């Protein structure tokens, strides 16, 4: 089927693509969701071993996406993440939310997308929705809402599909439903079925649609998790 075909393509390109913790985590998440073959293996490449090779005392790479995608992938493969990884993530929150760099003082402003990913990864790791750091991050995220009801990366003058979709997922992970953001995201769908980046900019419709479908279907990252860790490749 289509999922199997896409999984084969993912495995064929995995060795070249999975060169960071984030890219490796993303590949694992995609293969887990595809439910076709081992989510750990891409030919002779052991994606779990590669993911773990990027971890140092709970820290994966240098960006929030390295950290959160690695944590989500570890959860999807039923191997963690570790408490050290959770601590690294929670301690990286800045004055309001999280930013692209995995540090409070990384020279980047806190942003909606990074904050949503941090909440999703922490909740998947078992951090309580009552946790003060997560609740503060969610309050900050909600304060970034655009007048039109959605969210955007570093601005408030338009709705962007990807940031809005992740904000919806983060709210769901914390036990609430963001109906305003849901309506804003739905408004970005076009007649052919695809979602576009903003109302006036198609951007990558593939990326926008991927994020939007997950959010509007009531799911959140990771879409699928395994009940036991796959064996070695």
C-alpha atoms as a PDB file:
ATOM      1  CA  UNK A   1       0.000   0.000   0.000  1.00  0.00           C
ATOM      2  CA  UNK A   2       0.890   3.665   0.017  1.00  0.00           C
ATOM      3  CA  UNK A   3       2.263   3.580   3.558  1.00  0.00           C
ATOM      4  CA  UNK A   4       4.590   0.695   2.684  1.00  0.00           C
ATOM      5  CA  UNK A   5       5.816   2.492  -0.437  1.00  0.00           C
ATOM      6  CA  UNK A   6       6.601   5.625   1.524  1.00  0.00           C
ATOM      7  CA  UNK A   7       8.320   3.612   4.242  1.00  0.00           C
ATOM      8  CA  UNK A   8      10.576   2.008   1.621  1.00  0.00           C
ATOM      9  CA  UNK A   9      11.495   5.444   0.298  1.00  0.00           C
ATOM     10  CA  UNK A  10      12.240   6.658   3.822  1.00  0.00           C
ATOM     11  CA  UNK A  11      14.538   3.733   4.476  1.00  0.00           C
ATOM     12  CA  UNK A  12      16.319   4.219   1.157  1.00  0.00           C
ATOM     13  CA  UNK A  13      17.220   7.793   2.032  1.00  0.00           C
ATOM     14  CA  UNK A  14      17.639   7.426   5.798  1.00  0.00           C
ATOM     15  CA  UNK A  15      21.400   6.966   5.952  1.00  0.00           C
ATOM     16  CA  UNK A  16      22.032  10.222   4.097  1.00  0.00           C
ATOM     17  CA  UNK A  17      19.233  12.179   5.774  1.00  0.00           C
ATOM     18  CA  UNK A  18      19.520  11.117   9.401  1.00  0.00           C
ATOM     19  CA  UNK A  19      22.670  13.093  10.185  1.00  0.00           C
ATOM     20  CA  UNK A  20      21.373  14.987  13.210  1.00  0.00           C
ATOM     21  CA  UNK A  21      19.378  13.957  16.257  1.00  0.00           C
ATOM     22  CA  UNK A  22      16.362  15.819  14.904  1.00  0.00           C
ATOM     23  CA  UNK A  23      16.494  14.261  11.446  1.00  0.00           C
ATOM     24  CA  UNK A  24      16.995  10.803  12.938  1.00  0.00           C
ATOM     25  CA  UNK A  25      14.095  11.312  15.320  1.00  0.00           C
ATOM     26  CA  UNK A  26      11.868  12.517  12.506  1.00  0.00           C
ATOM     27  CA  UNK A  27      12.710   9.441  10.421  1.00  0.00           C
ATOM     28  CA  UNK A  28      11.878   7.131  13.333  1.00  0.00           C
ATOM     29  CA  UNK A  29       8.573   8.912  13.941  1.00  0.00           C
ATOM     30  CA  UNK A  30       7.632   8.584  10.278  1.00  0.00           C
ATOM     31  CA  UNK A  31       8.495   4.877  10.147  1.00  0.00           C
ATOM     32  CA  UNK A  32       6.586   4.259  13.375  1.00  0.00           C
ATOM     33  CA  UNK A  33       3.505   5.970  11.931  1.00  0.00           C
ATOM     34  CA  UNK A  34       3.812   4.025   8.659  1.00  0.00           C
ATOM     35  CA  UNK A  35       3.405   0.693  10.492  1.00  0.00           C
ATOM     36  CA  UNK A  36       5.396  -1.065   7.778  1.00  0.00           C
ATOM     37  CA  UNK A  37       8.428  -3.028   8.888  1.00  0.00           C
ATOM     38  CA  UNK A  38      10.699  -2.119  11.761  1.00  0.00           C
ATOM     39  CA  UNK A  39      10.623   1.529  12.816  1.00  0.00           C
ATOM     40  CA  UNK A  40      14.173   1.046  14.073  1.00  0.00           C
ATOM     41  CA  UNK A  41      15.837  -0.218  10.928  1.00  0.00           C
ATOM     42  CA  UNK A  42      16.660   1.293   7.551  1.00  0.00           C
ATOM     43  CA  UNK A  43      18.496  -1.549   5.873  1.00  0.00           C
ATOM     44  CA  UNK A  44      21.621  -2.066   7.953  1.00  0.00           C
ATOM     45  CA  UNK A  45      21.261   1.325   9.625  1.00  0.00           C
ATOM     46  CA  UNK A  46      20.123   1.006  13.230  1.00  0.00           C
ATOM     47  CA  UNK A  47      18.253   4.287  13.680  1.00  0.00           C
ATOM     48  CA  UNK A  48      17.888   3.816  17.422  1.00  0.00           C
ATOM     49  CA  UNK A  49      21.646   3.340  17.842  1.00  0.00           C
ATOM     50  CA  UNK A  50      22.237   6.408  15.700  1.00  0.00           C
ATOM     51  CA  UNK A  51      19.760   8.447  17.732  1.00  0.00           C
ATOM     52  CA  UNK A  52      21.416   7.396  20.983  1.00  0.00           C
ATOM     53  CA  UNK A  53      24.835   8.319  19.603  1.00  0.00           C
ATOM     54  CA  UNK A  54      23.711  11.942  19.466  1.00  0.00           C
ATOM     55  CA  UNK A  55      22.714  11.999  23.144  1.00  0.00           C
ATOM     56  CA  UNK A  56      25.046  13.380  25.787  1.00  0.00           C
ATOM     57  CA  UNK A  57      23.783  13.444  29.392  1.00  0.00           C
ATOM     58  CA  UNK A  58      20.223  13.859  28.175  1.00  0.00           C
ATOM     59  CA  UNK A  59      21.035  16.558  25.613  1.00  0.00           C
ATOM     60  CA  UNK A  60      20.481  15.912  21.918  1.00  0.00           C
ATOM     61  CA  UNK A  61      22.187  18.324  19.552  1.00  0.00           C
ATOM     62  CA  UNK A  62      21.933  22.081  19.912  1.00  0.00           C
ATOM     63  CA  UNK A  63      18.388  22.940  18.836  1.00  0.00           C
ATOM     64  CA  UNK A  64      14.950  22.479  20.326  1.00  0.00           C
ATOM     65  CA  UNK A  65      14.061  20.305  17.344  1.00  0.00           C
ATOM     66  CA  UNK A  66      17.008  17.988  17.947  1.00  0.00           C
ATOM     67  CA  UNK A  67      15.905  17.605  21.574  1.00  0.00           C
ATOM     68  CA  UNK A  68      12.160  17.272  21.099  1.00  0.00           C
ATOM     69  CA  UNK A  69      12.188  15.046  18.017  1.00  0.00           C
ATOM     70  CA  UNK A  70      14.750  12.765  19.675  1.00  0.00           C
ATOM     71  CA  UNK A  71      12.605  12.564  22.813  1.00  0.00           C
ATOM     72  CA  UNK A  72       9.435  11.895  20.824  1.00  0.00           C
ATOM     73  CA  UNK A  73      11.212   9.179  18.823  1.00  0.00           C
ATOM     74  CA  UNK A  74      12.544   7.518  21.985  1.00  0.00           C
ATOM     75  CA  UNK A  75       9.005   7.480  23.346  1.00  0.00           C
ATOM     76  CA  UNK A  76       7.629   6.095  20.086  1.00  0.00           C
ATOM     77  CA  UNK A  77      10.182   3.255  20.174  1.00  0.00           C
ATOM     78  CA  UNK A  78       9.397   2.501  23.836  1.00  0.00           C
ATOM     79  CA  UNK A  79      12.920   3.288  25.043  1.00  0.00           C
ATOM     80  CA  UNK A  80      12.506   6.498  27.017  1.00  0.00           C
ATOM     81  CA  UNK A  81      13.259   9.342  26.991  1.00  0.00           C
ATOM     82  CA  UNK A  82      15.408   9.564  30.097  1.00  0.00           C
ATOM     83  CA  UNK A  83      14.740  11.841  33.037  1.00  0.00           C
ATOM     84  CA  UNK A  84      17.957  13.649  32.146  1.00  0.00           C
ATOM     85  CA  UNK A  85      16.520  14.484  28.724  1.00  0.00           C
ATOM     86  CA  UNK A  86      13.329  15.748  30.352  1.00  0.00           C
ATOM     87  CA  UNK A  87      15.355  17.937  32.717  1.00  0.00           C
ATOM     88  CA  UNK A  88      17.394  19.401  29.859  1.00  0.00           C
ATOM     89  CA  UNK A  89      14.194  20.315  28.041  1.00  0.00           C
ATOM     90  CA  UNK A  90      12.397  21.831  31.024  1.00  0.00           C
ATOM     91  CA  UNK A  91      15.472  23.818  32.045  1.00  0.00           C
ATOM     92  CA  UNK A  92      15.724  25.321  28.554  1.00  0.00           C
ATOM     93  CA  UNK A  93      12.537  27.384  28.907  1.00  0.00           C
ATOM     94  CA  UNK A  94      13.277  31.081  28.595  1.00  0.00           C
ATOM     95  CA  UNK A  95      11.385  34.078  29.948  1.00  0.00           C
ATOM     96  CA  UNK A  96       8.136  32.856  28.414  1.00  0.00           C
ATOM     97  CA  UNK A  97       8.375  29.805  26.201  1.00  0.00           C
ATOM     98  CA  UNK A  98      11.170  27.992  24.404  1.00  0.00           C
ATOM     99  CA  UNK A  99      13.331  29.155  21.507  1.00  0.00           C
ATOM    100  CA  UNK A 100      15.047  27.462  18.587  1.00  0.00           C
ATOM    101  CA  UNK A 101      18.343  27.048  20.435  1.00  0.00           C
ATOM    102  CA  UNK A 102      18.460  24.530  23.253  1.00  0.00           C
ATOM    103  CA  UNK A 103      19.421  27.128  25.821  1.00  0.00           C
ATOM    104  CA  UNK A 104      17.840  30.005  27.669  1.00  0.00           C
ATOM    105  CA  UNK A 105      20.415  32.420  26.329  1.00  0.00           C
ATOM    106  CA  UNK A 106      20.815  31.256  22.763  1.00  0.00           C
ATOM    107  CA  UNK A 107      20.318  34.656  21.181  1.00  0.00           C
ATOM    108  CA  UNK A 108      16.886  33.744  19.837  1.00  0.00           C
ATOM    109  CA  UNK A 109      13.505  34.997  20.979  1.00  0.00           C
ATOM    110  CA  UNK A 110      11.035  32.481  22.380  1.00  0.00           C
ATOM    111  CA  UNK A 111       8.620  31.327  19.683  1.00  0.00           C
ATOM    112  CA  UNK A 112       5.345  29.465  19.312  1.00  0.00           C
ATOM    113  CA  UNK A 113       6.661  26.521  17.305  1.00  0.00           C
ATOM    114  CA  UNK A 114       9.547  25.732  19.661  1.00  0.00           C
ATOM    115  CA  UNK A 115       7.257  26.101  22.678  1.00  0.00           C
ATOM    116  CA  UNK A 116       4.631  23.781  21.224  1.00  0.00           C
ATOM    117  CA  UNK A 117       7.253  21.143  20.404  1.00  0.00           C
ATOM    118  CA  UNK A 118       8.660  21.364  23.935  1.00  0.00           C
ATOM    119  CA  UNK A 119       5.227  20.835  25.459  1.00  0.00           C
ATOM    120  CA  UNK A 120       4.520  17.873  23.169  1.00  0.00           C
ATOM    121  CA  UNK A 121       7.841  16.195  23.969  1.00  0.00           C
ATOM    122  CA  UNK A 122       7.519  16.759  27.703  1.00  0.00           C
ATOM    123  CA  UNK A 123       3.970  15.435  27.854  1.00  0.00           C
ATOM    124  CA  UNK A 124       4.906  12.376  25.787  1.00  0.00           C
ATOM    125  CA  UNK A 125       7.706  11.770  28.277  1.00  0.00           C
ATOM    126  CA  UNK A 126       5.186  11.670  31.102  1.00  0.00           C
ATOM    127  CA  UNK A 127       5.546  15.173  32.539  1.00  0.00           C
ATOM    128  CA  UNK A 128       2.258  16.110  34.208  1.00  0.00           C
ATOM    129  CA  UNK A 129      -0.049  18.641  32.589  1.00  0.00           C
ATOM    130  CA  UNK A 130      -0.009  20.311  36.007  1.00  0.00           C
ATOM    131  CA  UNK A 131       3.739  20.905  35.817  1.00  0.00           C
ATOM    132  CA  UNK A 132       4.436  24.579  36.454  1.00  0.00           C
ATOM    133  CA  UNK A 133       6.991  24.959  33.666  1.00  0.00           C
ATOM    134  CA  UNK A 134       4.615  23.526  31.066  1.00  0.00           C
ATOM    135  CA  UNK A 135       1.666  25.563  32.319  1.00  0.00           C
ATOM    136  CA  UNK A 136       3.723  28.748  32.149  1.00  0.00           C
ATOM    137  CA  UNK A 137       4.887  27.863  28.647  1.00  0.00           C
ATOM    138  CA  UNK A 138       1.319  27.269  27.501  1.00  0.00           C
ATOM    139  CA  UNK A 139       0.161  30.591  28.980  1.00  0.00           C
ATOM    140  CA  UNK A 140       2.940  32.365  27.106  1.00  0.00           C
ATOM    141  CA  UNK A 141       2.043  30.524  23.893  1.00  0.00           C
ATOM    142  CA  UNK A 142      -1.608  31.517  24.130  1.00  0.00           C
ATOM    143  CA  UNK A 143      -0.608  35.149  24.618  1.00  0.00           C
ATOM    144  CA  UNK A 144       1.009  35.054  21.149  1.00  0.00           C
ATOM    145  CA  UNK A 145      -2.311  34.402  19.404  1.00  0.00           C
ATOM    146  CA  UNK A 146      -2.974  36.478  16.301  1.00  0.00           C
ATOM    147  CA  UNK A 147      -6.090  38.678  16.035  1.00  0.00           C
ATOM    148  CA  UNK A 148      -7.411  36.124  13.513  1.00  0.00           C
ATOM    149  CA  UNK A 149      -7.213  33.342  16.109  1.00  0.00           C
ATOM    150  CA  UNK A 150      -4.224  31.335  14.994  1.00  0.00           C
ATOM    151  CA  UNK A 151      -0.477  31.491  15.517  1.00  0.00           C
ATOM    152  CA  UNK A 152       2.675  32.313  13.576  1.00  0.00           C
ATOM    153  CA  UNK A 153       6.425  32.063  14.011  1.00  0.00           C
ATOM    154  CA  UNK A 154       7.729  35.288  15.508  1.00  0.00           C
ATOM    155  CA  UNK A 155       4.865  37.498  14.336  1.00  0.00           C
ATOM    156  CA  UNK A 156       1.189  38.161  14.980  1.00  0.00           C
ATOM    157  CA  UNK A 157      -0.063  39.678  11.719  1.00  0.00           C
ATOM    158  CA  UNK A 158      -1.078  36.425  10.006  1.00  0.00           C
ATOM    159  CA  UNK A 159      -2.001  32.818  10.684  1.00  0.00           C
ATOM    160  CA  UNK A 160       0.565  30.198   9.678  1.00  0.00           C
ATOM    161  CA  UNK A 161      -0.541  26.595   9.244  1.00  0.00           C
ATOM    162  CA  UNK A 162       2.461  24.912  10.837  1.00  0.00           C
ATOM    163  CA  UNK A 163       2.655  27.016  14.000  1.00  0.00           C
ATOM    164  CA  UNK A 164      -1.126  26.944  14.411  1.00  0.00           C
ATOM    165  CA  UNK A 165      -1.265  23.169  14.007  1.00  0.00           C
ATOM    166  CA  UNK A 166       1.468  22.615  16.589  1.00  0.00           C
ATOM    167  CA  UNK A 167      -0.208  25.041  19.007  1.00  0.00           C
ATOM    168  CA  UNK A 168      -3.445  23.040  18.690  1.00  0.00           C
ATOM    169  CA  UNK A 169      -1.545  19.824  19.444  1.00  0.00           C
ATOM    170  CA  UNK A 170       0.193  21.401  22.435  1.00  0.00           C
ATOM    171  CA  UNK A 171      -3.132  22.567  23.874  1.00  0.00           C
ATOM    172  CA  UNK A 172      -4.546  19.061  23.421  1.00  0.00           C
ATOM    173  CA  UNK A 173      -1.504  17.580  25.144  1.00  0.00           C
ATOM    174  CA  UNK A 174      -2.237  19.843  28.104  1.00  0.00           C
ATOM    175  CA  UNK A 175      -5.880  18.747  28.216  1.00  0.00           C
ATOM    176  CA  UNK A 176      -7.657  21.609  26.451  1.00  0.00           C
ATOM    177  CA  UNK A 177      -9.139  22.282  23.033  1.00  0.00           C
ATOM    178  CA  UNK A 178      -8.284  25.446  21.129  1.00  0.00           C
ATOM    179  CA  UNK A 179     -11.383  26.032  19.013  1.00  0.00           C
ATOM    180  CA  UNK A 180     -10.258  29.437  17.752  1.00  0.00           C
ATOM    181  CA  UNK A 181      -7.000  28.044  16.440  1.00  0.00           C
ATOM    182  CA  UNK A 182      -8.856  25.079  14.937  1.00  0.00           C
ATOM    183  CA  UNK A 183     -11.097  27.410  12.957  1.00  0.00           C
ATOM    184  CA  UNK A 184      -8.114  29.494  11.884  1.00  0.00           C
ATOM    185  CA  UNK A 185      -6.272  26.416  10.643  1.00  0.00           C
ATOM    186  CA  UNK A 186      -9.304  25.034   8.816  1.00  0.00           C
ATOM    187  CA  UNK A 187      -9.605  28.331   6.933  1.00  0.00           C
ATOM    188  CA  UNK A 188      -6.243  27.646   5.279  1.00  0.00           C
ATOM    189  CA  UNK A 189      -7.523  24.549   3.473  1.00  0.00           C
ATOM    190  CA  UNK A 190      -8.105  24.999  -0.250  1.00  0.00           C
ATOM    191  CA  UNK A 191     -10.567  23.355  -2.631  1.00  0.00           C
ATOM    192  CA  UNK A 192      -8.183  20.560  -3.630  1.00  0.00           C
ATOM    193  CA  UNK A 193      -7.889  19.468  -0.005  1.00  0.00           C
ATOM    194  CA  UNK A 194      -4.372  20.735   0.698  1.00  0.00           C
ATOM    195  CA  UNK A 195      -3.571  23.311   3.340  1.00  0.00           C
ATOM    196  CA  UNK A 196      -1.300  26.214   2.576  1.00  0.00           C
ATOM    197  CA  UNK A 197       1.200  28.072   4.730  1.00  0.00           C
ATOM    198  CA  UNK A 198      -0.806  31.300   5.055  1.00  0.00           C
ATOM    199  CA  UNK A 199      -3.882  32.745   3.410  1.00  0.00           C
ATOM    200  CA  UNK A 200      -1.778  34.520   0.763  1.00  0.00           C
ATOM    201  CA  UNK A 201       1.315  32.305   0.609  1.00  0.00           C
ATOM    202  CA  UNK A 202       1.033  28.666  -0.451  1.00  0.00           C
ATOM    203  CA  UNK A 203       4.500  27.888   0.918  1.00  0.00           C
ATOM    204  CA  UNK A 204       5.057  24.150   1.193  1.00  0.00           C
ATOM    205  CA  UNK A 205       1.587  22.668   0.996  1.00  0.00           C
ATOM    206  CA  UNK A 206       3.025  19.248   1.831  1.00  0.00           C
ATOM    207  CA  UNK A 207       4.471  20.445   5.147  1.00  0.00           C
ATOM    208  CA  UNK A 208       1.419  22.552   5.951  1.00  0.00           C
ATOM    209  CA  UNK A 209      -0.946  19.674   5.191  1.00  0.00           C
ATOM    210  CA  UNK A 210       1.093  17.163   7.202  1.00  0.00           C
ATOM    211  CA  UNK A 211       0.899  19.301  10.326  1.00  0.00           C
ATOM    212  CA  UNK A 212      -2.705  20.354   9.763  1.00  0.00           C
ATOM    213  CA  UNK A 213      -4.062  16.839   9.260  1.00  0.00           C
ATOM    214  CA  UNK A 214      -2.515  15.630  12.511  1.00  0.00           C
ATOM    215  CA  UNK A 215      -3.939  18.558  14.482  1.00  0.00           C
ATOM    216  CA  UNK A 216      -7.413  18.586  12.949  1.00  0.00           C
ATOM    217  CA  UNK A 217      -7.800  14.813  13.262  1.00  0.00           C
ATOM    218  CA  UNK A 218      -7.425  15.136  17.023  1.00  0.00           C
ATOM    219  CA  UNK A 219      -3.993  13.497  17.138  1.00  0.00           C
ATOM    220  CA  UNK A 220      -0.662  14.859  18.328  1.00  0.00           C
ATOM    221  CA  UNK A 221       2.985  13.917  18.095  1.00  0.00           C
ATOM    222  CA  UNK A 222       3.981  11.175  18.326  1.00  0.00           C
ATOM    223  CA  UNK A 223       1.093   9.902  16.203  1.00  0.00           C
ATOM    224  CA  UNK A 224       1.887   6.253  16.979  1.00  0.00           C
ATOM    225  CA  UNK A 225       3.905   4.522  19.691  1.00  0.00           C
ATOM    226  CA  UNK A 226       5.098   0.950  19.996  1.00  0.00           C
ATOM    227  CA  UNK A 227       4.322  -1.365  22.881  1.00  0.00           C
ATOM    228  CA  UNK A 228       7.814  -2.853  22.819  1.00  0.00           C
ATOM    229  CA  UNK A 229      11.159  -1.861  21.389  1.00  0.00           C
ATOM    230  CA  UNK A 230      12.007  -3.431  17.997  1.00  0.00           C
ATOM    231  CA  UNK A 231      14.927  -5.833  17.899  1.00  0.00           C
ATOM    232  CA  UNK A 232      18.329  -4.983  16.507  1.00  0.00           C
ATOM    233  CA  UNK A 233      18.746  -4.617  12.761  1.00  0.00           C
END
